[in-house]
Amino acid sequence: MKEYIFKQYLGNILEHLGITLEDLLEETKTRTIVEARYILYYLCQERGMTLSEIKSYMETQGFEVTLATMMKGVAKAKDIIDNDPDYKYIVKKLENIEL
């Protein structure tokens, strides 16, 4: 069930931001891509997934990430969302998934 939710969030992020899965999984420091990953980690954790679960799901997509990077990403996403009303709006839209 949790992997299904992960995939729903992933699809919503890709669609909303107009990026491909390849873009998201690319080893890049491009702000848009990095923030998209951070938001994915944030949404999944807010939905009750552990970082280990999220890490596992990312690995099935072909992306290796450390737990420390994910923790940093979640914290950064929270900061962005708390301080930017546009991101707050985007996250509310991205949270809508069909179960």
N, C-alpha and C. Protein backbone atom coordinates (compact mmCIF):
# COMPACT_ATOMS: atom_id res chain seq x y z
N MET A 1 0.83 -1.20 0.00
CA MET A 1 0.00 0.00 0.00
C MET A 1 0.86 1.26 0.00
N LYS A 2 1.89 1.28 0.83
CA LYS A 2 2.74 2.48 0.92
C LYS A 2 3.47 2.73 -0.40
N GLU A 3 3.90 1.66 -1.07
CA GLU A 3 4.59 1.85 -2.34
C GLU A 3 3.64 2.45 -3.38
N TYR A 4 2.39 2.07 -3.33
CA TYR A 4 1.39 2.64 -4.22
C TYR A 4 1.27 4.15 -3.98
N ILE A 5 1.21 4.53 -2.72
CA ILE A 5 1.13 5.95 -2.36
C ILE A 5 2.38 6.69 -2.83
N PHE A 6 3.56 6.09 -2.63
CA PHE A 6 4.81 6.66 -3.11
C PHE A 6 4.72 6.93 -4.61
N LYS A 7 4.26 5.95 -5.36
CA LYS A 7 4.17 6.10 -6.81
C LYS A 7 3.16 7.18 -7.21
N GLN A 8 2.09 7.30 -6.46
CA GLN A 8 1.11 8.35 -6.73
C GLN A 8 1.73 9.73 -6.52
N TYR A 9 2.43 9.91 -5.41
CA TYR A 9 3.12 11.17 -5.16
C TYR A 9 4.16 11.45 -6.24
N LEU A 10 4.91 10.43 -6.60
CA LEU A 10 5.93 10.57 -7.63
C LEU A 10 5.30 11.03 -8.94
N GLY A 11 4.23 10.39 -9.34
CA GLY A 11 3.53 10.78 -10.57
C GLY A 11 2.99 12.20 -10.52
N ASN A 12 2.43 12.56 -9.38
CA ASN A 12 1.89 13.92 -9.22
C ASN A 12 3.01 14.97 -9.34
N ILE A 13 4.13 14.69 -8.72
CA ILE A 13 5.26 15.63 -8.77
C ILE A 13 5.77 15.77 -10.20
N LEU A 14 5.96 14.65 -10.88
CA LEU A 14 6.45 14.69 -12.25
C LEU A 14 5.50 15.48 -13.15
N GLU A 15 4.21 15.19 -13.01
CA GLU A 15 3.21 15.87 -13.84
C GLU A 15 3.14 17.37 -13.52
N HIS A 16 3.05 17.69 -12.25
CA HIS A 16 2.88 19.09 -11.85
C HIS A 16 4.09 19.95 -12.22
N LEU A 17 5.28 19.40 -12.05
CA LEU A 17 6.49 20.16 -12.32
C LEU A 17 6.96 20.04 -13.76
N GLY A 18 6.32 19.17 -14.54
CA GLY A 18 6.66 19.03 -15.94
C GLY A 18 8.05 18.46 -16.16
N ILE A 19 8.42 17.50 -15.32
CA ILE A 19 9.72 16.85 -15.47
C ILE A 19 9.51 15.35 -15.68
N THR A 20 10.54 14.69 -16.17
CA THR A 20 10.45 13.25 -16.38
C THR A 20 11.06 12.52 -15.19
N LEU A 21 10.79 11.23 -15.14
CA LEU A 21 11.40 10.41 -14.09
C LEU A 21 12.92 10.44 -14.23
N GLU A 22 13.38 10.43 -15.47
CA GLU A 22 14.83 10.49 -15.71
C GLU A 22 15.41 11.79 -15.15
N ASP A 23 14.68 12.90 -15.32
CA ASP A 23 15.12 14.18 -14.76
C ASP A 23 15.24 14.07 -13.24
N LEU A 24 14.20 13.53 -12.61
CA LEU A 24 14.16 13.45 -11.15
C LEU A 24 15.28 12.57 -10.60
N LEU A 25 15.62 11.52 -11.34
CA LEU A 25 16.61 10.57 -10.85
C LEU A 25 18.03 10.93 -11.27
N GLU A 26 18.17 11.99 -12.04
CA GLU A 26 19.49 12.41 -12.49
C GLU A 26 20.32 12.94 -11.31
N GLU A 27 21.58 12.57 -11.29
CA GLU A 27 22.50 13.08 -10.26
C GLU A 27 22.85 14.51 -10.62
N THR A 28 22.06 15.44 -10.13
CA THR A 28 22.25 16.85 -10.46
C THR A 28 22.01 17.70 -9.23
N LYS A 29 22.54 18.89 -9.27
CA LYS A 29 22.31 19.86 -8.20
C LYS A 29 21.33 20.95 -8.66
N THR A 30 20.70 20.74 -9.81
CA THR A 30 19.73 21.70 -10.32
C THR A 30 18.62 21.88 -9.30
N ARG A 31 18.38 23.11 -8.92
CA ARG A 31 17.46 23.42 -7.82
C ARG A 31 16.08 22.81 -8.01
N THR A 32 15.50 22.93 -9.19
CA THR A 32 14.17 22.41 -9.44
C THR A 32 14.09 20.91 -9.19
N ILE A 33 15.10 20.19 -9.66
CA ILE A 33 15.11 18.74 -9.52
C ILE A 33 15.33 18.34 -8.06
N VAL A 34 16.29 18.98 -7.42
CA VAL A 34 16.57 18.68 -6.01
C VAL A 34 15.35 18.96 -5.15
N GLU A 35 14.71 20.09 -5.35
CA GLU A 35 13.52 20.43 -4.57
C GLU A 35 12.38 19.45 -4.84
N ALA A 36 12.26 18.97 -6.06
CA ALA A 36 11.23 17.98 -6.37
C ALA A 36 11.45 16.71 -5.56
N ARG A 37 12.72 16.26 -5.49
CA ARG A 37 13.02 15.08 -4.66
C ARG A 37 12.72 15.35 -3.20
N TYR A 38 13.12 16.52 -2.72
CA TYR A 38 12.87 16.86 -1.32
C TYR A 38 11.38 16.86 -1.00
N ILE A 39 10.59 17.39 -1.90
CA ILE A 39 9.13 17.42 -1.69
C ILE A 39 8.58 15.99 -1.69
N LEU A 40 9.12 15.14 -2.55
CA LEU A 40 8.69 13.74 -2.55
C LEU A 40 8.98 13.09 -1.21
N TYR A 41 10.19 13.28 -0.70
CA TYR A 41 10.54 12.71 0.61
C TYR A 41 9.61 13.27 1.69
N TYR A 42 9.38 14.57 1.65
CA TYR A 42 8.53 15.24 2.65
C TYR A 42 7.11 14.66 2.62
N LEU A 43 6.51 14.60 1.44
CA LEU A 43 5.13 14.10 1.33
C LEU A 43 5.02 12.67 1.84
N CYS A 44 5.98 11.84 1.46
CA CYS A 44 5.95 10.45 1.88
C CYS A 44 6.10 10.33 3.40
N GLN A 45 7.00 11.10 3.96
CA GLN A 45 7.19 11.03 5.41
C GLN A 45 5.95 11.55 6.14
N GLU A 46 5.36 12.61 5.63
CA GLU A 46 4.13 13.13 6.24
C GLU A 46 3.00 12.11 6.18
N ARG A 47 3.06 11.23 5.19
CA ARG A 47 2.04 10.19 5.03
C ARG A 47 2.33 8.97 5.90
N GLY A 48 3.45 9.01 6.65
CA GLY A 48 3.74 7.94 7.59
C GLY A 48 4.78 6.95 7.13
N MET A 49 5.40 7.19 6.00
CA MET A 49 6.46 6.30 5.55
C MET A 49 7.75 6.61 6.28
N THR A 50 8.50 5.57 6.58
CA THR A 50 9.81 5.79 7.19
C THR A 50 10.80 6.15 6.09
N LEU A 51 11.90 6.77 6.49
CA LEU A 51 12.92 7.11 5.51
C LEU A 51 13.48 5.85 4.85
N SER A 52 13.56 4.78 5.61
CA SER A 52 14.05 3.51 5.03
C SER A 52 13.11 3.01 3.94
N GLU A 53 11.82 3.14 4.16
CA GLU A 53 10.86 2.73 3.13
C GLU A 53 11.02 3.60 1.88
N ILE A 54 11.10 4.90 2.08
CA ILE A 54 11.24 5.82 0.95
C ILE A 54 12.53 5.52 0.20
N LYS A 55 13.60 5.28 0.94
CA LYS A 55 14.89 4.93 0.33
C LYS A 55 14.75 3.69 -0.54
N SER A 56 14.06 2.69 -0.04
CA SER A 56 13.84 1.46 -0.78
C SER A 56 13.05 1.72 -2.06
N TYR A 57 12.00 2.52 -1.96
CA TYR A 57 11.20 2.84 -3.14
C TYR A 57 12.01 3.63 -4.17
N MET A 58 12.86 4.53 -3.69
CA MET A 58 13.72 5.29 -4.61
C MET A 58 14.68 4.34 -5.32
N GLU A 59 15.20 3.37 -4.59
CA GLU A 59 16.13 2.41 -5.18
C GLU A 59 15.45 1.58 -6.26
N THR A 60 14.16 1.24 -6.06
CA THR A 60 13.45 0.48 -7.10
C THR A 60 13.26 1.32 -8.36
N GLN A 61 13.31 2.65 -8.19
CA GLN A 61 13.23 3.54 -9.35
C GLN A 61 14.60 3.76 -10.00
N GLY A 62 15.65 3.30 -9.32
CA GLY A 62 17.00 3.42 -9.86
C GLY A 62 17.80 4.57 -9.30
N PHE A 63 17.41 5.07 -8.12
CA PHE A 63 18.11 6.21 -7.52
C PHE A 63 18.62 5.84 -6.14
N GLU A 64 19.92 5.93 -5.96
CA GLU A 64 20.54 5.67 -4.66
C GLU A 64 20.59 6.97 -3.86
N VAL A 65 20.11 6.92 -2.63
CA VAL A 65 20.12 8.10 -1.77
C VAL A 65 20.41 7.65 -0.35
N THR A 66 21.14 8.47 0.38
CA THR A 66 21.44 8.12 1.77
C THR A 66 20.32 8.63 2.69
N LEU A 67 20.22 8.01 3.84
CA LEU A 67 19.22 8.47 4.82
C LEU A 67 19.54 9.89 5.29
N ALA A 68 20.82 10.22 5.42
CA ALA A 68 21.21 11.57 5.85
C ALA A 68 20.76 12.61 4.82
N THR A 69 20.91 12.30 3.54
CA THR A 69 20.47 13.21 2.49
C THR A 69 18.96 13.39 2.54
N MET A 70 18.26 12.29 2.79
CA MET A 70 16.80 12.37 2.87
C MET A 70 16.36 13.20 4.07
N MET A 71 17.02 13.02 5.21
CA MET A 71 16.68 13.81 6.40
C MET A 71 16.89 15.30 6.11
N LYS A 72 18.00 15.62 5.48
CA LYS A 72 18.28 17.00 5.10
C LYS A 72 17.21 17.51 4.14
N GLY A 73 16.82 16.67 3.21
CA GLY A 73 15.81 17.05 2.23
C GLY A 73 14.46 17.33 2.85
N VAL A 74 14.05 16.49 3.78
CA VAL A 74 12.77 16.69 4.46
C VAL A 74 12.79 18.01 5.23
N ALA A 75 13.88 18.26 5.94
CA ALA A 75 14.01 19.51 6.71
C ALA A 75 13.98 20.72 5.78
N LYS A 76 14.68 20.62 4.66
CA LYS A 76 14.70 21.73 3.69
C LYS A 76 13.31 21.94 3.09
N ALA A 77 12.63 20.86 2.76
CA ALA A 77 11.28 20.97 2.20
C ALA A 77 10.34 21.63 3.20
N LYS A 78 10.42 21.25 4.48
CA LYS A 78 9.58 21.87 5.50
C LYS A 78 9.84 23.36 5.57
N ASP A 79 11.11 23.74 5.52
CA ASP A 79 11.48 25.15 5.57
C ASP A 79 10.91 25.91 4.37
N ILE A 80 11.06 25.33 3.19
CA ILE A 80 10.55 25.98 1.98
C ILE A 80 9.04 26.13 2.06
N ILE A 81 8.36 25.07 2.44
CA ILE A 81 6.90 25.07 2.50
C ILE A 81 6.40 26.07 3.54
N ASP A 82 7.05 26.13 4.69
CA ASP A 82 6.64 27.04 5.75
C ASP A 82 6.84 28.51 5.37
N ASN A 83 7.80 28.79 4.49
CA ASN A 83 8.15 30.17 4.19
C ASN A 83 7.76 30.66 2.80
N ASP A 84 7.20 29.79 1.99
CA ASP A 84 6.85 30.18 0.63
C ASP A 84 5.41 29.75 0.35
N PRO A 85 4.49 30.71 0.27
CA PRO A 85 3.08 30.36 0.06
C PRO A 85 2.84 29.62 -1.26
N ASP A 86 3.67 29.87 -2.26
CA ASP A 86 3.51 29.16 -3.53
C ASP A 86 3.80 27.68 -3.35
N TYR A 87 4.84 27.36 -2.62
CA TYR A 87 5.16 25.96 -2.36
C TYR A 87 4.08 25.32 -1.49
N LYS A 88 3.57 26.05 -0.54
CA LYS A 88 2.50 25.53 0.32
C LYS A 88 1.30 25.12 -0.54
N TYR A 89 0.97 25.97 -1.51
CA TYR A 89 -0.14 25.70 -2.43
C TYR A 89 0.17 24.45 -3.28
N ILE A 90 1.39 24.39 -3.82
CA ILE A 90 1.79 23.26 -4.66
C ILE A 90 1.71 21.96 -3.88
N VAL A 91 2.21 21.95 -2.65
CA VAL A 91 2.19 20.73 -1.85
C VAL A 91 0.76 20.29 -1.57
N LYS A 92 -0.13 21.22 -1.31
CA LYS A 92 -1.54 20.86 -1.09
C LYS A 92 -2.10 20.17 -2.32
N LYS A 93 -1.76 20.66 -3.50
CA LYS A 93 -2.22 20.03 -4.75
C LYS A 93 -1.60 18.65 -4.92
N LEU A 94 -0.32 18.53 -4.59
CA LEU A 94 0.38 17.26 -4.78
C LEU A 94 -0.08 16.19 -3.80
N GLU A 95 -0.62 16.58 -2.67
CA GLU A 95 -1.07 15.62 -1.65
C GLU A 95 -2.29 14.85 -2.11
N ASN A 96 -3.01 15.36 -3.06
CA ASN A 96 -4.24 14.71 -3.52
C ASN A 96 -3.92 13.50 -4.37
N ILE A 97 -4.17 12.33 -3.80
CA ILE A 97 -3.95 11.09 -4.52
C ILE A 97 -5.20 10.24 -4.43
N GLU A 98 -5.38 9.38 -5.41
CA GLU A 98 -6.51 8.47 -5.40
C GLU A 98 -6.09 7.13 -4.83
N LEU A 99 -6.80 6.68 -3.83
CA LEU A 99 -6.48 5.38 -3.22
C LEU A 99 -7.43 4.32 -3.73
